[in-house]
């Protein structure tokens, strides 16, 4: 059955691109142009893609707690020999 009549793209072709890693209608469009003309097939493409395995979703599931950087106290910076050098005439 045709999904995109503008470019003659079938359900099978969309599924093939999805199996190859396309997870979004935009990625399907990049692969075969479906959804780039009238846009009438975009919802059908979304339905075909469903909630399948998408690498981005897998990465989101593997999230870890953010790491915060430690701040160097101002005294340690000045003790390291870093000094404030200003150009003449600068405010």
N, C-alpha and C. Protein backbone atom coordinates (compact mmCIF):
# COMPACT_ATOMS: atom_id res chain seq x y z
N UNK A 1 0.84 -1.18 0.00
CA UNK A 1 0.00 0.00 0.00
C UNK A 1 0.89 1.25 0.00
N UNK A 2 0.47 2.24 -0.77
CA UNK A 2 1.25 3.48 -0.85
C UNK A 2 1.03 4.33 0.39
N UNK A 3 2.13 4.88 0.89
CA UNK A 3 2.08 5.81 2.01
C UNK A 3 2.14 7.23 1.45
N UNK A 4 3.04 7.44 0.52
CA UNK A 4 3.25 8.75 -0.09
C UNK A 4 2.96 8.65 -1.59
N UNK A 5 1.83 9.22 -1.99
CA UNK A 5 1.47 9.15 -3.41
C UNK A 5 2.28 10.16 -4.23
N UNK A 6 2.79 11.20 -3.59
CA UNK A 6 3.60 12.19 -4.32
C UNK A 6 4.87 11.57 -4.89
N UNK A 7 5.50 10.68 -4.12
CA UNK A 7 6.75 10.07 -4.54
C UNK A 7 6.65 8.56 -4.74
N UNK A 8 5.45 8.00 -4.59
CA UNK A 8 5.26 6.57 -4.81
C UNK A 8 5.96 5.70 -3.79
N UNK A 9 5.97 6.13 -2.53
CA UNK A 9 6.65 5.38 -1.47
C UNK A 9 5.64 4.47 -0.78
N UNK A 10 6.02 3.21 -0.62
CA UNK A 10 5.13 2.22 -0.02
C UNK A 10 5.43 2.03 1.47
N UNK A 11 4.50 1.35 2.15
CA UNK A 11 4.71 1.01 3.56
C UNK A 11 5.98 0.19 3.72
N UNK A 12 6.19 -0.74 2.80
CA UNK A 12 7.36 -1.61 2.86
C UNK A 12 8.65 -0.78 2.81
N UNK A 13 8.67 0.23 1.95
CA UNK A 13 9.87 1.08 1.85
C UNK A 13 10.10 1.86 3.13
N UNK A 14 9.02 2.39 3.72
CA UNK A 14 9.15 3.12 4.98
C UNK A 14 9.68 2.19 6.06
N UNK A 15 9.13 0.98 6.13
CA UNK A 15 9.59 0.00 7.13
C UNK A 15 11.05 -0.37 6.91
N UNK A 16 11.45 -0.47 5.66
CA UNK A 16 12.85 -0.79 5.34
C UNK A 16 13.78 0.31 5.86
N UNK A 17 13.40 1.57 5.65
CA UNK A 17 14.22 2.68 6.15
C UNK A 17 14.22 2.72 7.68
N UNK A 18 13.09 2.38 8.28
CA UNK A 18 13.01 2.33 9.74
C UNK A 18 13.92 1.23 10.28
N UNK A 19 13.93 0.08 9.61
CA UNK A 19 14.82 -1.02 10.02
C UNK A 19 16.28 -0.63 9.88
N UNK A 20 16.56 0.27 8.94
CA UNK A 20 17.93 0.73 8.72
C UNK A 20 18.33 1.84 9.69
N UNK A 21 17.39 2.27 10.56
CA UNK A 21 17.75 3.24 11.59
C UNK A 21 16.96 4.54 11.59
N UNK A 22 16.11 4.77 10.61
CA UNK A 22 15.31 6.00 10.60
C UNK A 22 14.25 5.91 11.69
N UNK A 23 14.22 6.89 12.58
CA UNK A 23 13.31 6.85 13.73
C UNK A 23 12.23 7.91 13.69
N UNK A 24 12.37 8.89 12.82
CA UNK A 24 11.43 10.00 12.77
C UNK A 24 10.97 10.23 11.34
N UNK A 25 9.83 10.89 11.16
CA UNK A 25 9.40 11.23 9.81
C UNK A 25 10.44 12.06 9.05
N UNK A 26 11.16 12.91 9.75
CA UNK A 26 12.20 13.71 9.10
C UNK A 26 13.32 12.81 8.56
N UNK A 27 13.69 11.78 9.30
CA UNK A 27 14.72 10.86 8.83
C UNK A 27 14.21 10.02 7.65
N UNK A 28 12.93 9.67 7.69
CA UNK A 28 12.33 8.96 6.55
C UNK A 28 12.36 9.88 5.33
N UNK A 29 12.02 11.15 5.52
CA UNK A 29 12.03 12.12 4.42
C UNK A 29 13.42 12.26 3.83
N UNK A 30 14.43 12.26 4.67
CA UNK A 30 15.81 12.35 4.17
C UNK A 30 16.19 11.12 3.36
N UNK A 31 15.65 9.98 3.75
CA UNK A 31 15.99 8.73 3.08
C UNK A 31 15.27 8.55 1.74
N UNK A 32 14.01 9.01 1.65
CA UNK A 32 13.24 8.70 0.43
C UNK A 32 12.31 9.81 -0.05
N UNK A 33 12.36 10.97 0.57
CA UNK A 33 11.55 12.15 0.22
C UNK A 33 10.09 12.07 0.66
N UNK A 34 9.64 10.95 1.20
CA UNK A 34 8.25 10.85 1.64
C UNK A 34 7.97 11.91 2.70
N UNK A 35 6.89 12.64 2.51
CA UNK A 35 6.50 13.67 3.47
C UNK A 35 7.04 15.05 3.17
N UNK A 36 7.77 15.19 2.07
CA UNK A 36 8.39 16.49 1.78
C UNK A 36 7.61 17.33 0.77
N UNK A 37 6.55 16.76 0.16
CA UNK A 37 5.81 17.54 -0.84
C UNK A 37 4.53 18.09 -0.21
N UNK A 38 3.45 17.36 -0.25
CA UNK A 38 2.19 17.89 0.28
C UNK A 38 2.08 17.70 1.80
N UNK A 39 2.83 16.74 2.36
CA UNK A 39 2.80 16.50 3.81
C UNK A 39 1.65 15.63 4.27
N UNK A 40 0.81 15.20 3.36
CA UNK A 40 -0.35 14.39 3.73
C UNK A 40 -0.02 13.03 4.31
N UNK A 41 1.17 12.55 4.09
CA UNK A 41 1.54 11.21 4.55
C UNK A 41 2.31 11.20 5.87
N UNK A 42 2.61 12.37 6.41
CA UNK A 42 3.45 12.43 7.61
C UNK A 42 2.83 11.68 8.78
N UNK A 43 1.52 11.83 8.98
CA UNK A 43 0.87 11.12 10.09
C UNK A 43 0.90 9.60 9.88
N UNK A 44 0.75 9.18 8.66
CA UNK A 44 0.82 7.74 8.36
C UNK A 44 2.23 7.22 8.62
N UNK A 45 3.23 8.01 8.26
CA UNK A 45 4.62 7.62 8.53
C UNK A 45 4.85 7.53 10.04
N UNK A 46 4.33 8.51 10.79
CA UNK A 46 4.45 8.46 12.25
C UNK A 46 3.81 7.20 12.80
N UNK A 47 2.65 6.84 12.27
CA UNK A 47 1.95 5.63 12.74
C UNK A 47 2.76 4.38 12.42
N UNK A 48 3.38 4.34 11.25
CA UNK A 48 4.20 3.18 10.89
C UNK A 48 5.44 3.08 11.78
N UNK A 49 6.02 4.21 12.11
CA UNK A 49 7.21 4.19 12.97
C UNK A 49 6.85 3.80 14.39
N UNK A 50 5.66 4.22 14.83
CA UNK A 50 5.21 3.88 16.18
C UNK A 50 6.21 4.28 17.23
N UNK A 51 6.37 3.42 18.19
CA UNK A 51 7.33 3.66 19.27
C UNK A 51 8.40 2.58 19.25
N UNK A 52 8.93 2.34 18.08
CA UNK A 52 9.96 1.32 17.92
C UNK A 52 11.27 1.71 18.57
N UNK A 53 12.24 0.86 18.41
CA UNK A 53 13.56 1.10 18.99
C UNK A 53 14.24 2.24 18.25
N UNK A 54 14.61 3.24 18.98
CA UNK A 54 15.31 4.39 18.42
C UNK A 54 16.55 4.61 19.25
N UNK A 55 17.72 4.72 18.63
CA UNK A 55 18.95 4.90 19.39
C UNK A 55 18.88 6.04 20.40
N UNK A 56 18.24 7.14 20.02
CA UNK A 56 18.16 8.27 20.95
C UNK A 56 17.40 7.89 22.20
N UNK A 57 16.33 7.13 22.04
CA UNK A 57 15.57 6.70 23.20
C UNK A 57 16.42 5.80 24.09
N UNK A 58 17.22 4.93 23.47
CA UNK A 58 18.09 4.06 24.25
C UNK A 58 19.10 4.89 25.03
N UNK A 59 19.64 5.93 24.41
CA UNK A 59 20.60 6.78 25.10
C UNK A 59 19.93 7.51 26.25
N UNK A 60 18.70 7.95 26.07
CA UNK A 60 17.99 8.64 27.14
C UNK A 60 17.76 7.71 28.32
N UNK A 61 17.52 6.44 28.04
CA UNK A 61 17.30 5.48 29.12
C UNK A 61 18.58 5.23 29.92
N UNK A 62 19.73 5.50 29.34
CA UNK A 62 21.01 5.26 29.99
C UNK A 62 21.56 6.49 30.70
N UNK A 63 20.74 7.52 30.85
CA UNK A 63 21.21 8.76 31.46
C UNK A 63 21.75 8.53 32.85
N UNK A 64 22.75 9.31 33.19
CA UNK A 64 23.31 9.28 34.53
C UNK A 64 23.12 10.65 35.15
N UNK A 65 23.34 10.73 36.44
CA UNK A 65 23.22 12.01 37.12
C UNK A 65 24.28 12.97 36.59
N UNK A 66 23.93 14.25 36.44
CA UNK A 66 24.92 15.21 35.95
C UNK A 66 26.07 15.38 36.95
N UNK A 67 27.23 15.62 36.42
CA UNK A 67 28.41 15.83 37.25
C UNK A 67 28.66 17.33 37.35
N UNK A 68 28.84 17.82 38.56
CA UNK A 68 29.11 19.24 38.74
C UNK A 68 30.61 19.46 38.88
N UNK A 69 31.08 20.49 38.25
CA UNK A 69 32.50 20.82 38.33
C UNK A 69 32.79 21.51 39.65
N UNK A 70 33.95 21.24 40.20
CA UNK A 70 34.32 21.91 41.44
C UNK A 70 34.88 23.29 41.11
N UNK A 71 34.63 24.22 41.98
CA UNK A 71 35.11 25.58 41.77
C UNK A 71 36.42 25.77 42.52
N UNK A 72 37.33 26.47 41.90
CA UNK A 72 38.60 26.77 42.55
C UNK A 72 38.41 28.06 43.36
N UNK A 73 38.75 28.03 44.64
CA UNK A 73 38.59 29.25 45.44
C UNK A 73 39.48 30.37 44.91
N UNK A 74 39.03 31.62 45.00
CA UNK A 74 39.82 32.75 44.49
C UNK A 74 41.23 32.81 45.09
N UNK A 75 41.39 32.45 46.35
CA UNK A 75 42.71 32.50 46.98
C UNK A 75 43.68 31.55 46.28
N UNK A 76 43.21 30.40 45.87
CA UNK A 76 44.07 29.43 45.21
C UNK A 76 44.50 29.94 43.84
N UNK A 77 43.65 30.67 43.17
CA UNK A 77 44.00 31.21 41.86
C UNK A 77 45.08 32.26 42.00
N UNK A 78 44.93 33.19 42.96
CA UNK A 78 45.94 34.24 43.12
C UNK A 78 47.24 33.65 43.66
N UNK A 79 47.16 32.60 44.43
CA UNK A 79 48.36 31.97 44.95
C UNK A 79 49.13 31.26 43.85
N UNK A 80 48.47 30.94 42.77
CA UNK A 80 49.11 30.24 41.67
C UNK A 80 49.93 31.18 40.80
N UNK A 81 49.93 32.46 41.12
CA UNK A 81 50.74 33.40 40.37
C UNK A 81 50.03 34.05 39.20
N UNK A 82 48.73 33.90 39.13
CA UNK A 82 47.98 34.55 38.06
C UNK A 82 47.66 35.96 38.51
N UNK A 83 47.96 36.92 37.67
CA UNK A 83 47.71 38.29 38.08
C UNK A 83 46.82 38.99 37.07
N UNK A 84 46.23 40.07 37.50
CA UNK A 84 45.32 40.86 36.68
C UNK A 84 46.14 41.86 35.89
N UNK A 85 46.13 41.73 34.58
CA UNK A 85 46.87 42.65 33.72
C UNK A 85 45.85 43.40 32.88
N UNK A 86 45.84 44.71 32.99
CA UNK A 86 44.90 45.52 32.21
C UNK A 86 45.67 46.40 31.25
N UNK A 87 45.06 46.60 30.10
CA UNK A 87 45.66 47.49 29.12
C UNK A 87 45.43 48.93 29.55
N UNK A 88 46.36 49.80 29.25
CA UNK A 88 46.18 51.20 29.63
C UNK A 88 45.00 51.78 28.87
N UNK A 89 44.17 52.51 29.56
CA UNK A 89 43.00 53.12 28.96
C UNK A 89 41.78 52.23 28.99
N UNK A 90 41.91 50.99 29.42
CA UNK A 90 40.76 50.09 29.50
C UNK A 90 40.03 50.31 30.81
N UNK A 91 38.73 50.21 30.78
CA UNK A 91 37.94 50.43 31.99
C UNK A 91 37.88 49.19 32.83
